[in-house]
Amino acid sequence: MPGDRDVTRTPSTREPFVTTAQFPVPVREVERKVLDRVAELAAGFRAVAADYDERAEIAVEHLRALHDADVDRAVLPERVGGLGLSYAAFGRLVCVLAEADPSTATIWTMHAGAGVALAEFTSETLGSFFADEFLAGKRFANALSEPASGNRFLNPQQDAVPVAGGWSLTGAKRFVSGCEIAQYLLVNARVDDVPAFFGVVPDETVSTIPIWDTLGLRATRSQLLSFDNTLLCAEYRGRPPGFGDFAVIPAGLPAISLGIADAALAALVEHAQSRVILGKPLSHQQWVQHEVADVQTRLVAAHALYERALWEADNGMPSFFPNLSRAKYLANKVAVDVAQLGVRVGGASGYLKQSPIQRHLRDAEAGQLMAYSTEVIAGEIGRLVLGVPEGE
């Protein structure tokens, strides 16, 4: 572990017995303060998350509160003017947010991913422009996924054509979380047959296709965006992603599913302990104990794999990226299994719309669809294990 970090447990206002708080997380003092503030905010987010989900409304005040608590500054790397959270602290932060309000956690992760990426990709051309805008509280959104890209958001299939001042893009980007409040978009397109990345200010050529009426993560409002001869300004073009960049989105996606799983397990345990059948709590039934033992053990394993990948990232090991993919795959699967068990244990009452159990199940299913999906990751892992050459 880096020498300037100590090992501590990050406090939380409500910690089920299975969360990352069980595992010592190495953090610096500045990181501890940020995590403490996030834990305090998360308690309030949790109380109203179901209401925002019901209305499919972005919790803008949650995002403002995170910015006011210096969370945006914290995630921005030091080299571009931020506090430079470690991967370990970042993972803990997203887990805490997702356990309380996964929609807010998702929007913030995508906002941070776009803002940090643009700050890093353009630092040698625009200097601190995007970093300053990010620190000023401007909203960013990640617009990389295409309807025809096959879930591989770093490999765009849409071509941008040269025009005065840059390139023109006509096409669509899907699942753009928080796009309705975004002031900047991170957009990719093919330029001369290679992926290129741009900051885009939404104007009249960018329109929202209101398709967002989903089962889970409803409060992310991850709409489809249409681009009609939108200028990709040469001045706002960034370099491609590099190994040393802070990989916000790959590091954040496993934590979203892990937080959902933690919340689902907590709801399951609470229900099993409080519901009495034939004179005893449901938690005393052996089948419940056996099923809970299975999902809880796999959830602990998923947290451990994730934290190993974060440790590798903090220590500059190239293995961190494929291990983050493995952690996402396992976290996605385990979150669904925990939530499904919650519905079974909850019975008819767990199936009611006002029950948190059904919301956790809907949110857990959404994690599997985020790029890279579990199917794409499984294909990559299986190909590597079996020694199948890429493209065959």
Protein backbone atom coordinates (compact mmCIF):
# COMPACT_ATOMS: atom_id res chain seq x y z
CA MET A 1 0.00 0.00 0.00
CA PRO A 2 1.22 3.57 -0.61
CA GLY A 3 3.07 4.81 2.40
CA ASP A 4 1.10 8.04 2.89
CA ARG A 5 -2.17 6.19 3.51
CA ASP A 6 -3.45 4.61 6.66
CA VAL A 7 -5.94 1.83 7.07
CA THR A 8 -9.29 2.81 8.50
CA ARG A 9 -12.95 1.97 8.47
CA THR A 10 -15.08 4.58 6.82
CA PRO A 11 -18.10 5.38 9.00
CA SER A 12 -21.62 5.28 7.66
CA THR A 13 -24.96 6.23 9.11
CA ARG A 14 -26.33 2.80 8.33
CA GLU A 15 -24.07 -0.13 7.51
CA PRO A 16 -25.55 -3.57 6.87
CA PHE A 17 -23.24 -6.32 8.01
CA VAL A 18 -22.15 -6.91 4.44
CA THR A 19 -20.74 -3.76 2.89
CA THR A 20 -17.31 -2.63 1.89
CA ALA A 21 -17.06 -1.13 5.36
CA GLN A 22 -16.17 -4.64 6.53
CA PHE A 23 -12.95 -4.43 4.55
CA PRO A 24 -10.24 -1.94 5.56
CA VAL A 25 -9.98 0.77 2.92
CA PRO A 26 -6.67 2.67 2.69
CA VAL A 27 -7.42 6.38 2.59
CA ARG A 28 -5.62 9.65 3.17
CA GLU A 29 -7.02 12.20 5.60
CA VAL A 30 -8.43 14.35 2.78
CA GLU A 31 -10.17 11.28 1.37
CA ARG A 32 -11.59 10.34 4.76
CA LYS A 33 -13.21 13.77 5.08
CA VAL A 34 -14.85 13.45 1.68
CA LEU A 35 -16.11 9.95 2.45
CA ASP A 36 -17.52 11.12 5.78
CA ARG A 37 -19.43 13.91 4.04
CA VAL A 38 -20.76 11.49 1.41
CA ALA A 39 -21.92 9.07 4.11
CA GLU A 40 -23.83 11.90 5.81
CA LEU A 41 -25.44 12.98 2.55
CA ALA A 42 -26.31 9.41 1.62
CA ALA A 43 -28.60 9.08 4.64
CA GLY A 44 -30.79 11.86 3.25
CA PHE A 45 -30.61 10.52 -0.29
CA ARG A 46 -31.79 7.10 0.88
CA ALA A 47 -34.91 8.56 2.48
CA VAL A 48 -36.22 10.00 -0.80
CA ALA A 49 -34.74 7.67 -3.43
CA ALA A 50 -38.00 5.75 -3.88
CA ASP A 51 -39.91 8.99 -4.50
CA TYR A 52 -37.53 10.09 -7.25
CA ASP A 53 -37.70 6.60 -8.75
CA GLU A 54 -41.50 6.72 -8.79
CA ARG A 55 -41.47 10.08 -10.59
CA ALA A 56 -38.51 9.17 -12.83
CA GLU A 57 -37.02 12.52 -11.85
CA ILE A 58 -33.37 13.50 -11.56
CA ALA A 59 -32.46 14.41 -7.98
CA VAL A 60 -30.73 17.65 -8.97
CA GLU A 61 -30.38 18.78 -5.36
CA HIS A 62 -28.46 15.58 -4.58
CA LEU A 63 -25.97 16.36 -7.32
CA ARG A 64 -25.62 19.94 -6.10
CA ALA A 65 -25.05 18.72 -2.57
CA LEU A 66 -22.28 16.41 -3.76
CA HIS A 67 -20.61 19.25 -5.62
CA ASP A 68 -20.93 21.58 -2.62
CA ALA A 69 -19.31 18.85 -0.49
CA ASP A 70 -16.24 18.99 -2.78
CA VAL A 71 -16.90 15.52 -4.19
CA ASP A 72 -16.31 16.73 -7.76
CA ARG A 73 -13.03 18.34 -6.76
CA ALA A 74 -12.05 15.16 -4.95
CA VAL A 75 -12.48 12.87 -7.98
CA LEU A 76 -10.57 15.19 -10.32
CA PRO A 77 -6.91 14.07 -10.50
CA GLU A 78 -4.30 16.32 -8.94
CA ARG A 79 -2.52 16.71 -12.27
CA VAL A 80 -5.52 18.63 -13.62
CA GLY A 81 -6.35 20.62 -10.50
CA GLY A 82 -8.32 18.28 -8.22
CA LEU A 83 -7.72 16.44 -4.98
CA GLY A 84 -6.97 13.12 -6.67
CA LEU A 85 -9.00 10.44 -4.90
CA SER A 86 -7.38 7.03 -4.92
CA TYR A 87 -9.25 4.25 -6.69
CA ALA A 88 -9.86 2.62 -3.30
CA ALA A 89 -11.54 5.74 -1.91
CA PHE A 90 -13.45 6.33 -5.14
CA GLY A 91 -14.85 2.80 -5.09
CA ARG A 92 -15.98 3.21 -1.50
CA LEU A 93 -17.62 6.53 -2.34
CA VAL A 94 -19.68 5.10 -5.21
CA CYS A 95 -20.68 2.03 -3.15
CA VAL A 96 -22.02 4.27 -0.38
CA LEU A 97 -23.95 6.42 -2.86
CA ALA A 98 -25.36 3.42 -4.71
CA GLU A 99 -26.51 1.68 -1.54
CA ALA A 100 -28.52 4.81 -0.72
CA ASP A 101 -29.61 6.04 -4.16
CA PRO A 102 -28.29 4.14 -7.20
CA SER A 103 -29.76 6.59 -9.70
CA THR A 104 -27.86 9.50 -8.16
CA ALA A 105 -24.75 7.31 -7.97
CA THR A 106 -25.10 6.47 -11.68
CA ILE A 107 -25.63 10.05 -12.86
CA TRP A 108 -22.75 11.31 -10.73
CA THR A 109 -20.42 8.56 -11.96
CA MET A 110 -21.24 9.37 -15.60
CA HIS A 111 -20.92 13.11 -14.91
CA ALA A 112 -17.54 12.55 -13.24
CA GLY A 113 -16.45 10.20 -16.01
CA ALA A 114 -17.17 12.78 -18.71
CA GLY A 115 -15.77 15.75 -16.77
CA VAL A 116 -12.57 14.02 -15.69
CA ALA A 117 -12.01 12.55 -19.15
CA LEU A 118 -12.39 15.88 -20.92
CA ALA A 119 -10.12 17.57 -18.37
CA GLU A 120 -7.43 14.96 -18.99
CA PHE A 121 -7.91 14.47 -22.74
CA THR A 122 -7.64 18.21 -23.51
CA SER A 123 -5.14 19.33 -20.87
CA GLU A 124 -2.35 19.82 -23.41
CA THR A 125 -4.53 21.79 -25.84
CA LEU A 126 -7.16 23.67 -23.85
CA GLY A 127 -5.25 23.67 -20.61
CA SER A 128 -7.53 23.79 -17.59
CA PHE A 129 -10.75 24.80 -19.39
CA PHE A 130 -12.82 21.66 -18.80
CA ALA A 131 -11.32 21.12 -15.34
CA ASP A 132 -12.30 24.67 -14.36
CA GLU A 133 -15.83 24.16 -15.70
CA PHE A 134 -16.12 20.89 -13.79
CA LEU A 135 -14.93 22.53 -10.58
CA ALA A 136 -17.34 25.43 -11.15
CA GLY A 137 -20.28 23.05 -10.93
CA LYS A 138 -21.14 22.68 -14.61
CA ARG A 139 -22.94 19.45 -15.45
CA PHE A 140 -21.34 16.85 -17.73
CA ALA A 141 -22.82 13.75 -19.37
CA ASN A 142 -21.28 10.75 -21.04
CA ALA A 143 -22.59 10.34 -24.63
CA LEU A 144 -20.54 7.47 -26.05
CA SER A 145 -22.85 4.48 -26.50
CA GLU A 146 -24.42 4.03 -29.94
CA PRO A 147 -27.48 1.98 -30.91
CA ALA A 148 -25.32 -0.05 -33.31
CA SER A 149 -22.04 -0.21 -31.40
CA GLY A 150 -22.70 -3.57 -29.80
CA ASN A 151 -22.15 -2.24 -26.25
CA ARG A 152 -18.54 -1.31 -27.03
CA PHE A 153 -18.67 2.38 -26.29
CA LEU A 154 -14.99 3.10 -27.03
CA ASN A 155 -15.38 1.87 -30.61
CA PRO A 156 -17.85 4.22 -32.33
CA GLN A 157 -19.35 3.22 -35.66
CA GLN A 158 -20.64 6.68 -36.62
CA ASP A 159 -18.41 8.75 -38.90
CA ALA A 160 -17.90 12.48 -38.52
CA VAL A 161 -17.30 14.42 -41.75
CA PRO A 162 -14.92 17.38 -42.09
CA VAL A 163 -16.49 20.86 -42.02
CA ALA A 164 -15.26 24.35 -41.27
CA GLY A 165 -14.02 24.45 -37.68
CA GLY A 166 -14.00 20.70 -37.14
CA TRP A 167 -16.28 17.81 -38.04
CA SER A 168 -20.01 17.26 -38.34
CA LEU A 169 -21.82 14.38 -36.67
CA THR A 170 -25.24 13.01 -37.55
CA GLY A 171 -26.39 10.04 -35.51
CA ALA A 172 -27.55 9.06 -32.04
CA LYS A 173 -26.15 8.28 -28.61
CA ARG A 174 -28.14 6.18 -26.18
CA PHE A 175 -28.43 5.84 -22.40
CA VAL A 176 -27.03 9.32 -21.73
CA SER A 177 -27.59 9.59 -17.97
CA GLY A 178 -28.50 13.08 -16.82
CA CYS A 179 -28.38 14.49 -20.34
CA GLU A 180 -31.35 16.80 -19.73
CA ILE A 181 -29.33 18.88 -17.26
CA ALA A 182 -25.93 18.57 -18.96
CA GLN A 183 -24.02 21.62 -20.13
CA TYR A 184 -21.24 19.58 -21.73
CA LEU A 185 -21.24 16.18 -23.40
CA LEU A 186 -18.36 13.79 -23.93
CA VAL A 187 -18.98 12.50 -27.47
CA ASN A 188 -17.06 10.07 -29.64
CA ALA A 189 -17.12 9.48 -33.40
CA ARG A 190 -14.87 8.07 -36.07
CA VAL A 191 -12.58 10.61 -37.68
CA ASP A 192 -10.48 9.25 -40.54
CA ASP A 193 -11.51 5.73 -39.45
CA VAL A 194 -10.20 6.07 -35.88
CA PRO A 195 -12.12 6.87 -32.66
CA ALA A 196 -11.99 10.52 -31.66
CA PHE A 197 -13.31 12.22 -28.51
CA PHE A 198 -14.83 15.68 -28.19
CA GLY A 199 -16.42 18.01 -25.72
CA VAL A 200 -19.75 19.20 -27.10
CA VAL A 201 -21.99 22.02 -25.91
CA PRO A 202 -25.58 20.91 -26.60
CA ASP A 203 -27.35 23.29 -29.00
CA GLU A 204 -30.35 23.20 -31.35
CA THR A 205 -28.71 20.38 -33.35
CA VAL A 206 -28.83 18.08 -30.31
CA SER A 207 -32.28 16.85 -29.35
CA THR A 208 -33.59 14.50 -26.68
CA ILE A 209 -35.71 11.56 -27.76
CA PRO A 210 -37.98 10.97 -24.72
CA ILE A 211 -37.81 7.19 -24.51
CA TRP A 212 -37.06 6.91 -20.79
CA ASP A 213 -39.84 4.87 -19.23
CA THR A 214 -37.83 1.99 -17.85
CA LEU A 215 -38.07 -0.66 -15.18
CA GLY A 216 -34.98 0.28 -13.18
CA LEU A 217 -32.72 3.25 -12.38
CA ARG A 218 -35.63 5.41 -13.46
CA ALA A 219 -34.29 8.57 -11.86
CA THR A 220 -31.21 8.58 -14.09
CA ARG A 221 -33.36 9.65 -17.06
CA SER A 222 -30.81 8.13 -19.44
CA GLN A 223 -32.36 9.37 -22.65
CA LEU A 224 -31.48 8.87 -26.31
CA LEU A 225 -29.81 11.89 -27.91
CA SER A 226 -30.08 12.72 -31.60
CA PHE A 227 -27.31 14.65 -33.37
CA ASP A 228 -28.21 16.46 -36.60
CA ASN A 229 -25.11 17.92 -38.25
CA THR A 230 -23.72 18.76 -34.84
CA LEU A 231 -20.35 20.49 -34.93
CA LEU A 232 -17.56 18.58 -33.25
CA CYS A 233 -15.29 21.55 -32.68
CA ALA A 234 -11.62 20.96 -33.47
CA GLU A 235 -10.72 23.09 -30.45
CA TYR A 236 -12.65 20.73 -28.17
CA ARG A 237 -11.10 17.55 -29.53
CA GLY A 238 -9.16 15.50 -27.02
CA ARG A 239 -6.56 12.80 -27.27
CA PRO A 240 -7.57 9.12 -26.95
CA PRO A 241 -7.83 7.53 -23.48
CA GLY A 242 -4.49 6.44 -21.99
CA PHE A 243 -3.35 3.97 -19.35
CA GLY A 244 -2.53 6.69 -16.83
CA ASP A 245 -5.95 8.36 -17.02
CA PHE A 246 -8.29 7.99 -14.07
CA ALA A 247 -10.78 5.37 -15.29
CA VAL A 248 -13.88 6.74 -13.56
CA ILE A 249 -16.58 4.78 -15.35
CA PRO A 250 -14.91 1.33 -15.46
CA ALA A 251 -14.04 1.76 -11.77
CA GLY A 252 -17.48 3.05 -10.83
CA LEU A 253 -19.79 0.57 -12.55
CA PRO A 254 -19.01 -2.43 -10.30
CA ALA A 255 -19.63 -0.26 -7.24
CA ILE A 256 -23.10 0.70 -8.45
CA SER A 257 -24.18 -2.95 -8.57
CA LEU A 258 -22.44 -3.73 -5.28
CA GLY A 259 -24.25 -0.86 -3.57
CA ILE A 260 -27.57 -2.09 -4.96
CA ALA A 261 -26.77 -5.59 -3.71
CA ASP A 262 -25.87 -4.26 -0.24
CA ALA A 263 -29.20 -2.42 -0.07
CA ALA A 264 -31.12 -5.45 -1.31
CA LEU A 265 -29.52 -7.71 1.28
CA ALA A 266 -30.22 -5.21 4.07
CA ALA A 267 -33.89 -5.07 3.04
CA LEU A 268 -34.05 -8.85 2.88
CA VAL A 269 -32.56 -9.25 6.35
CA GLU A 270 -34.86 -6.63 7.84
CA HIS A 271 -37.92 -8.34 6.36
CA ALA A 272 -36.81 -11.82 7.43
CA GLN A 273 -36.18 -10.66 10.99
CA SER A 274 -39.48 -8.80 11.34
CA ARG A 275 -41.94 -11.12 9.58
CA VAL A 276 -43.27 -13.79 11.96
CA ILE A 277 -44.60 -17.12 10.64
CA LEU A 278 -45.95 -19.80 12.98
CA GLY A 279 -44.62 -18.00 15.99
CA LYS A 280 -41.05 -17.45 14.74
CA PRO A 281 -39.37 -14.86 12.53
CA LEU A 282 -38.90 -15.91 8.93
CA SER A 283 -35.15 -15.69 9.53
CA HIS A 284 -35.40 -18.89 11.61
CA GLN A 285 -36.43 -20.97 8.61
CA GLN A 286 -33.59 -23.13 7.35
CA TRP A 287 -34.17 -22.54 3.66
CA VAL A 288 -33.87 -18.78 4.23
CA GLN A 289 -30.64 -19.24 6.17
CA HIS A 290 -29.15 -21.45 3.45
CA GLU A 291 -30.11 -19.11 0.62
CA VAL A 292 -28.87 -16.05 2.48
CA ALA A 293 -25.58 -17.78 3.25
CA ASP A 294 -25.06 -18.40 -0.45
CA VAL A 295 -25.76 -14.87 -1.71
CA GLN A 296 -24.01 -13.15 1.18
CA THR A 297 -20.85 -15.19 0.67
CA ARG A 298 -20.80 -14.43 -3.04
CA LEU A 299 -21.45 -10.76 -2.34
CA VAL A 300 -18.45 -10.64 0.01
CA ALA A 301 -16.38 -12.31 -2.72
CA ALA A 302 -17.55 -9.74 -5.26
CA HIS A 303 -16.54 -6.90 -2.94
CA ALA A 304 -13.14 -8.54 -2.41
CA LEU A 305 -12.51 -8.94 -6.15
CA TYR A 306 -13.50 -5.33 -6.72
CA GLU A 307 -11.22 -4.06 -3.98
CA ARG A 308 -8.34 -6.11 -5.35
CA ALA A 309 -8.85 -4.47 -8.76
CA LEU A 310 -8.89 -1.03 -7.13
CA TRP A 311 -5.70 -1.83 -5.23
CA GLU A 312 -4.08 -2.92 -8.49
CA ALA A 313 -5.19 0.34 -10.12
CA ASP A 314 -3.73 2.41 -7.28
CA ASN A 315 -0.45 0.53 -7.66
CA GLY A 316 -0.22 0.90 -11.44
CA MET A 317 -0.72 -2.77 -12.30
CA PRO A 318 -1.97 -3.37 -15.87
CA SER A 319 -4.15 -6.23 -14.58
CA PHE A 320 -6.50 -3.73 -12.93
CA PHE A 321 -8.58 -3.13 -16.04
CA PRO A 322 -9.52 -6.74 -16.85
CA ASN A 323 -10.10 -7.35 -13.14
CA LEU A 324 -12.48 -4.39 -13.00
CA SER A 325 -14.38 -6.06 -15.85
CA ARG A 326 -14.49 -9.31 -13.88
CA ALA A 327 -15.64 -7.40 -10.81
CA LYS A 328 -18.44 -5.76 -12.81
CA TYR A 329 -19.53 -9.12 -14.20
CA LEU A 330 -19.66 -10.72 -10.76
CA ALA A 331 -21.25 -7.69 -9.11
CA ASN A 332 -23.98 -7.52 -11.77
CA LYS A 333 -24.80 -11.20 -11.34
CA VAL A 334 -24.72 -11.18 -7.55
CA ALA A 335 -26.87 -8.05 -7.31
CA VAL A 336 -29.62 -9.72 -9.34
CA ASP A 337 -29.38 -12.92 -7.27
CA VAL A 338 -29.60 -11.05 -3.95
CA ALA A 339 -32.54 -8.98 -5.17
CA GLN A 340 -34.37 -12.00 -6.54
CA LEU A 341 -33.93 -13.79 -3.23
CA GLY A 342 -35.31 -10.70 -1.52
CA VAL A 343 -38.50 -11.01 -3.58
CA ARG A 344 -38.80 -14.70 -2.68
CA VAL A 345 -38.26 -14.05 1.02
CA GLY A 346 -40.54 -11.02 0.91
CA GLY A 347 -43.36 -13.01 -0.61
CA ALA A 348 -46.43 -11.09 -1.67
CA SER A 349 -45.51 -8.06 0.47
CA GLY A 350 -42.12 -7.84 -1.25
CA TYR A 351 -43.87 -7.73 -4.61
CA LEU A 352 -45.92 -4.66 -3.72
CA LYS A 353 -44.95 -1.45 -5.44
CA GLN A 354 -44.25 0.38 -2.19
CA SER A 355 -41.75 -2.28 -1.08
CA PRO A 356 -38.05 -1.41 -1.41
CA ILE A 357 -37.43 -5.04 -2.37
CA GLN A 358 -39.01 -4.72 -5.81
CA ARG A 359 -37.11 -1.48 -6.51
CA HIS A 360 -33.79 -3.14 -5.69
CA LEU A 361 -34.62 -5.92 -8.14
CA ARG A 362 -35.43 -3.46 -10.92
CA ASP A 363 -32.25 -1.50 -10.28
CA ALA A 364 -30.12 -4.65 -10.10
CA GLU A 365 -31.30 -5.78 -13.53
CA ALA A 366 -30.20 -2.45 -15.03
CA GLY A 367 -26.57 -3.01 -14.01
CA GLN A 368 -26.25 -5.97 -16.36
CA LEU A 369 -27.14 -3.77 -19.34
CA MET A 370 -24.53 -1.09 -18.73
CA ALA A 371 -21.55 -1.26 -21.03
CA TYR A 372 -19.87 -3.54 -21.09
CA SER A 373 -22.85 -5.84 -20.58
CA THR A 374 -22.45 -9.16 -18.79
CA GLU A 375 -22.69 -10.97 -22.13
CA VAL A 376 -19.88 -8.94 -23.68
CA ILE A 377 -17.68 -9.31 -20.59
CA ALA A 378 -18.36 -13.06 -20.43
CA GLY A 379 -17.29 -13.39 -24.05
CA GLU A 380 -14.04 -11.53 -23.37
CA ILE A 381 -13.22 -13.51 -20.24
CA GLY A 382 -14.13 -16.84 -21.80
CA ARG A 383 -12.08 -16.13 -24.92
CA LEU A 384 -9.02 -15.28 -22.82
CA VAL A 385 -9.36 -18.34 -20.58
CA LEU A 386 -9.84 -20.67 -23.54
CA GLY A 387 -7.05 -19.11 -25.57
CA VAL A 388 -9.28 -18.12 -28.47
CA PRO A 389 -7.58 -15.40 -30.58
CA GLU A 390 -9.43 -12.10 -30.80
CA GLY A 391 -11.72 -11.89 -33.81
CA GLU A 392 -12.14 -15.67 -34.18
